[in-house]
């Protein structure tokens, strides 16, 4: 059995990123993540955006019995204008 350890506060440097945010039920959340990843990754490629690291998921609200508030994100070197979609 693996133990996680005690909770701690981890200070990290500021990270500029862009992402797509949605509300999704816990069941079926992975399909929503795949859809967001495909959409954002395609937009990044078409617009020749230089990323500053690997993509990540941000969980704004975790509710396994209800809806998850999640974002699929990619770090970028500088803030970009919104796409308006």
N, C-alpha and C. Protein backbone atom coordinates (compact mmCIF):
# COMPACT_ATOMS: atom_id res chain seq x y z
N UNK A 1 0.84 -1.18 0.00
CA UNK A 1 0.00 0.00 0.00
C UNK A 1 0.89 1.25 0.00
N UNK A 2 0.52 2.23 -0.82
CA UNK A 2 1.28 3.47 -0.92
C UNK A 2 0.64 4.53 -0.04
N UNK A 3 1.47 5.24 0.72
CA UNK A 3 0.95 6.35 1.51
C UNK A 3 1.26 7.65 0.79
N UNK A 4 0.35 8.58 0.90
CA UNK A 4 0.49 9.86 0.22
C UNK A 4 1.35 10.82 1.03
N UNK A 5 1.22 10.79 2.33
CA UNK A 5 1.98 11.71 3.16
C UNK A 5 1.08 12.78 3.74
N UNK A 6 1.68 13.66 4.50
CA UNK A 6 0.92 14.72 5.16
C UNK A 6 0.67 15.88 4.20
N UNK A 7 -0.45 16.58 4.38
CA UNK A 7 -0.70 17.76 3.54
C UNK A 7 0.36 18.83 3.78
N UNK A 8 0.65 19.60 2.72
CA UNK A 8 1.62 20.68 2.84
C UNK A 8 1.27 21.78 1.85
N UNK A 9 1.78 22.95 2.09
CA UNK A 9 1.63 24.06 1.17
C UNK A 9 2.88 24.10 0.30
N UNK A 10 2.67 24.12 -0.98
CA UNK A 10 3.77 24.11 -1.94
C UNK A 10 3.76 25.44 -2.68
N UNK A 11 4.76 26.27 -2.48
CA UNK A 11 4.87 27.56 -3.16
C UNK A 11 5.49 27.33 -4.54
N UNK A 12 4.82 27.85 -5.56
CA UNK A 12 5.31 27.71 -6.91
C UNK A 12 5.35 29.07 -7.59
N UNK A 13 6.20 29.22 -8.59
CA UNK A 13 6.24 30.50 -9.31
C UNK A 13 4.95 30.70 -10.11
N UNK A 14 4.66 31.97 -10.40
CA UNK A 14 3.49 32.32 -11.20
C UNK A 14 3.57 31.62 -12.55
N UNK A 15 2.43 31.12 -13.02
CA UNK A 15 2.37 30.41 -14.28
C UNK A 15 1.31 31.06 -15.17
N UNK A 16 1.71 31.53 -16.32
CA UNK A 16 0.77 32.09 -17.29
C UNK A 16 0.32 30.94 -18.18
N UNK A 17 -0.99 30.79 -18.33
CA UNK A 17 -1.51 29.69 -19.13
C UNK A 17 -2.80 30.11 -19.80
N UNK A 18 -3.20 29.33 -20.79
CA UNK A 18 -4.50 29.52 -21.42
C UNK A 18 -5.22 28.18 -21.34
N UNK A 19 -6.53 28.24 -21.29
CA UNK A 19 -7.26 26.99 -21.15
C UNK A 19 -8.71 27.10 -21.54
N UNK A 20 -9.35 25.97 -21.51
CA UNK A 20 -10.79 25.87 -21.75
C UNK A 20 -11.40 25.32 -20.46
N UNK A 21 -12.42 26.03 -19.96
CA UNK A 21 -13.05 25.65 -18.70
C UNK A 21 -14.47 25.16 -18.95
N UNK A 22 -14.87 24.13 -18.20
CA UNK A 22 -16.23 23.60 -18.34
C UNK A 22 -16.69 22.97 -17.04
N UNK A 23 -17.98 22.74 -16.97
CA UNK A 23 -18.58 21.97 -15.87
C UNK A 23 -18.96 20.62 -16.48
N UNK A 24 -18.59 19.55 -15.80
CA UNK A 24 -18.88 18.21 -16.31
C UNK A 24 -19.22 17.29 -15.16
N UNK A 25 -20.15 16.36 -15.37
CA UNK A 25 -20.42 15.38 -14.31
C UNK A 25 -19.18 14.50 -14.13
N UNK A 26 -18.97 14.02 -12.92
CA UNK A 26 -17.80 13.19 -12.65
C UNK A 26 -17.78 12.00 -13.61
N UNK A 27 -18.93 11.34 -13.75
CA UNK A 27 -19.03 10.25 -14.72
C UNK A 27 -19.06 10.87 -16.10
N UNK A 28 -18.17 10.49 -16.95
CA UNK A 28 -18.10 11.06 -18.28
C UNK A 28 -17.16 12.25 -18.39
N UNK A 29 -16.51 12.59 -17.30
CA UNK A 29 -15.60 13.74 -17.30
C UNK A 29 -14.45 13.52 -18.27
N UNK A 30 -13.98 12.31 -18.39
CA UNK A 30 -12.83 12.05 -19.27
C UNK A 30 -13.15 12.37 -20.72
N UNK A 31 -14.39 12.15 -21.15
CA UNK A 31 -14.77 12.49 -22.53
C UNK A 31 -14.73 14.01 -22.73
N UNK A 32 -15.16 14.76 -21.71
CA UNK A 32 -15.10 16.21 -21.79
C UNK A 32 -13.65 16.70 -21.85
N UNK A 33 -12.79 16.06 -21.08
CA UNK A 33 -11.37 16.43 -21.07
C UNK A 33 -10.75 16.16 -22.44
N UNK A 34 -11.06 15.01 -23.04
CA UNK A 34 -10.55 14.69 -24.37
C UNK A 34 -11.01 15.74 -25.39
N UNK A 35 -12.27 16.14 -25.31
CA UNK A 35 -12.82 17.13 -26.23
C UNK A 35 -12.11 18.48 -26.07
N UNK A 36 -11.92 18.91 -24.82
CA UNK A 36 -11.24 20.18 -24.56
C UNK A 36 -9.79 20.10 -25.03
N UNK A 37 -9.12 18.98 -24.77
CA UNK A 37 -7.72 18.81 -25.18
C UNK A 37 -7.59 18.89 -26.70
N UNK A 38 -8.46 18.18 -27.40
CA UNK A 38 -8.42 18.21 -28.86
C UNK A 38 -8.61 19.63 -29.38
N UNK A 39 -9.60 20.35 -28.82
CA UNK A 39 -9.91 21.70 -29.28
C UNK A 39 -8.76 22.67 -29.00
N UNK A 40 -8.24 22.65 -27.78
CA UNK A 40 -7.18 23.59 -27.43
C UNK A 40 -5.87 23.25 -28.14
N UNK A 41 -5.53 21.98 -28.20
CA UNK A 41 -4.30 21.58 -28.89
C UNK A 41 -4.34 21.95 -30.37
N UNK A 42 -5.50 21.80 -31.01
CA UNK A 42 -5.65 22.18 -32.41
C UNK A 42 -5.50 23.69 -32.57
N UNK A 43 -6.11 24.47 -31.66
CA UNK A 43 -6.01 25.93 -31.73
C UNK A 43 -4.56 26.39 -31.55
N UNK A 44 -3.86 25.78 -30.61
CA UNK A 44 -2.46 26.10 -30.37
C UNK A 44 -1.63 25.82 -31.64
N UNK A 45 -1.88 24.69 -32.28
CA UNK A 45 -1.13 24.33 -33.49
C UNK A 45 -1.44 25.29 -34.64
N UNK A 46 -2.71 25.57 -34.88
CA UNK A 46 -3.11 26.45 -35.99
C UNK A 46 -2.55 27.86 -35.80
N UNK A 47 -2.54 28.33 -34.55
CA UNK A 47 -2.08 29.69 -34.27
C UNK A 47 -0.59 29.77 -33.95
N UNK A 48 0.10 28.62 -34.07
CA UNK A 48 1.55 28.54 -33.86
C UNK A 48 1.98 29.16 -32.53
N UNK A 49 1.24 28.79 -31.48
CA UNK A 49 1.53 29.28 -30.13
C UNK A 49 2.68 28.47 -29.54
N UNK A 50 3.67 29.15 -29.00
CA UNK A 50 4.78 28.46 -28.33
C UNK A 50 4.37 28.20 -26.89
N UNK A 51 4.27 26.94 -26.54
CA UNK A 51 3.91 26.60 -25.16
C UNK A 51 5.16 26.65 -24.28
N UNK A 52 4.91 26.76 -22.99
CA UNK A 52 6.02 26.88 -22.03
C UNK A 52 6.06 25.70 -21.08
N UNK A 53 5.53 24.57 -21.51
CA UNK A 53 5.52 23.38 -20.66
C UNK A 53 4.40 22.45 -21.08
N UNK A 54 4.27 21.34 -20.39
CA UNK A 54 3.25 20.36 -20.74
C UNK A 54 1.85 20.82 -20.33
N UNK A 55 0.81 20.32 -21.02
CA UNK A 55 -0.56 20.66 -20.63
C UNK A 55 -0.88 20.07 -19.25
N UNK A 56 -1.90 20.66 -18.61
CA UNK A 56 -2.31 20.17 -17.30
C UNK A 56 -3.80 20.40 -17.10
N UNK A 57 -4.38 19.72 -16.12
CA UNK A 57 -5.77 19.92 -15.73
C UNK A 57 -5.81 20.75 -14.46
N UNK A 58 -6.74 21.68 -14.43
CA UNK A 58 -6.96 22.46 -13.21
C UNK A 58 -8.36 22.13 -12.72
N UNK A 59 -8.44 21.72 -11.47
CA UNK A 59 -9.72 21.40 -10.85
C UNK A 59 -10.13 22.59 -9.98
N UNK A 60 -11.15 23.32 -10.41
CA UNK A 60 -11.64 24.47 -9.65
C UNK A 60 -12.56 23.99 -8.52
N UNK A 61 -13.42 23.02 -8.83
CA UNK A 61 -14.33 22.41 -7.84
C UNK A 61 -14.35 20.91 -8.10
N UNK A 62 -14.18 20.14 -7.03
CA UNK A 62 -14.25 18.68 -7.12
C UNK A 62 -15.50 18.23 -6.40
N UNK A 63 -16.43 17.64 -7.15
CA UNK A 63 -17.67 17.12 -6.58
C UNK A 63 -17.98 15.81 -7.29
N UNK A 64 -17.54 14.71 -6.71
CA UNK A 64 -17.67 13.42 -7.37
C UNK A 64 -19.12 12.94 -7.48
N UNK A 65 -20.01 13.55 -6.73
CA UNK A 65 -21.43 13.18 -6.83
C UNK A 65 -22.22 14.15 -7.70
N UNK A 66 -21.58 15.25 -8.05
CA UNK A 66 -22.24 16.27 -8.85
C UNK A 66 -21.40 16.64 -10.04
N UNK A 67 -21.18 17.93 -10.20
CA UNK A 67 -20.43 18.42 -11.35
C UNK A 67 -19.03 18.88 -10.93
N UNK A 68 -18.09 18.58 -11.81
CA UNK A 68 -16.71 19.01 -11.64
C UNK A 68 -16.53 20.28 -12.45
N UNK A 69 -15.83 21.25 -11.88
CA UNK A 69 -15.49 22.49 -12.57
C UNK A 69 -14.01 22.36 -12.93
N UNK A 70 -13.72 22.14 -14.20
CA UNK A 70 -12.36 21.80 -14.62
C UNK A 70 -11.91 22.67 -15.80
N UNK A 71 -10.61 22.79 -15.94
CA UNK A 71 -10.00 23.46 -17.09
C UNK A 71 -8.89 22.58 -17.64
N UNK A 72 -8.81 22.52 -18.97
CA UNK A 72 -7.67 21.92 -19.64
C UNK A 72 -6.79 23.09 -20.07
N UNK A 73 -5.54 23.08 -19.68
CA UNK A 73 -4.68 24.25 -19.84
C UNK A 73 -3.33 23.91 -20.46
N UNK A 74 -2.76 24.93 -21.13
CA UNK A 74 -1.38 24.84 -21.60
C UNK A 74 -0.64 26.10 -21.14
N UNK A 75 0.54 25.92 -20.55
CA UNK A 75 1.35 27.08 -20.16
C UNK A 75 1.84 27.82 -21.42
N UNK A 76 1.87 29.15 -21.34
CA UNK A 76 2.36 29.98 -22.44
C UNK A 76 3.39 30.97 -21.91
N UNK A 77 4.19 31.50 -22.79
CA UNK A 77 5.26 32.42 -22.38
C UNK A 77 4.73 33.79 -21.98
N UNK A 78 3.62 34.23 -22.61
CA UNK A 78 3.03 35.52 -22.26
C UNK A 78 1.52 35.42 -22.45
N UNK A 79 0.78 36.31 -21.80
CA UNK A 79 -0.67 36.32 -21.89
C UNK A 79 -1.08 36.59 -23.34
N UNK A 80 -2.10 35.89 -23.79
CA UNK A 80 -2.60 36.03 -25.15
C UNK A 80 -4.03 36.57 -25.13
N UNK A 81 -4.45 37.23 -26.20
CA UNK A 81 -5.83 37.70 -26.24
C UNK A 81 -6.80 36.52 -26.28
N UNK A 82 -8.01 36.72 -25.77
CA UNK A 82 -9.01 35.67 -25.81
C UNK A 82 -9.41 35.39 -27.24
N UNK A 83 -9.75 34.12 -27.52
CA UNK A 83 -10.15 33.73 -28.87
C UNK A 83 -11.59 34.14 -29.16
N UNK A 84 -12.38 34.36 -28.11
CA UNK A 84 -13.77 34.78 -28.31
C UNK A 84 -14.70 33.65 -28.65
N UNK A 85 -14.31 32.43 -28.41
CA UNK A 85 -15.18 31.27 -28.72
C UNK A 85 -16.02 30.92 -27.53
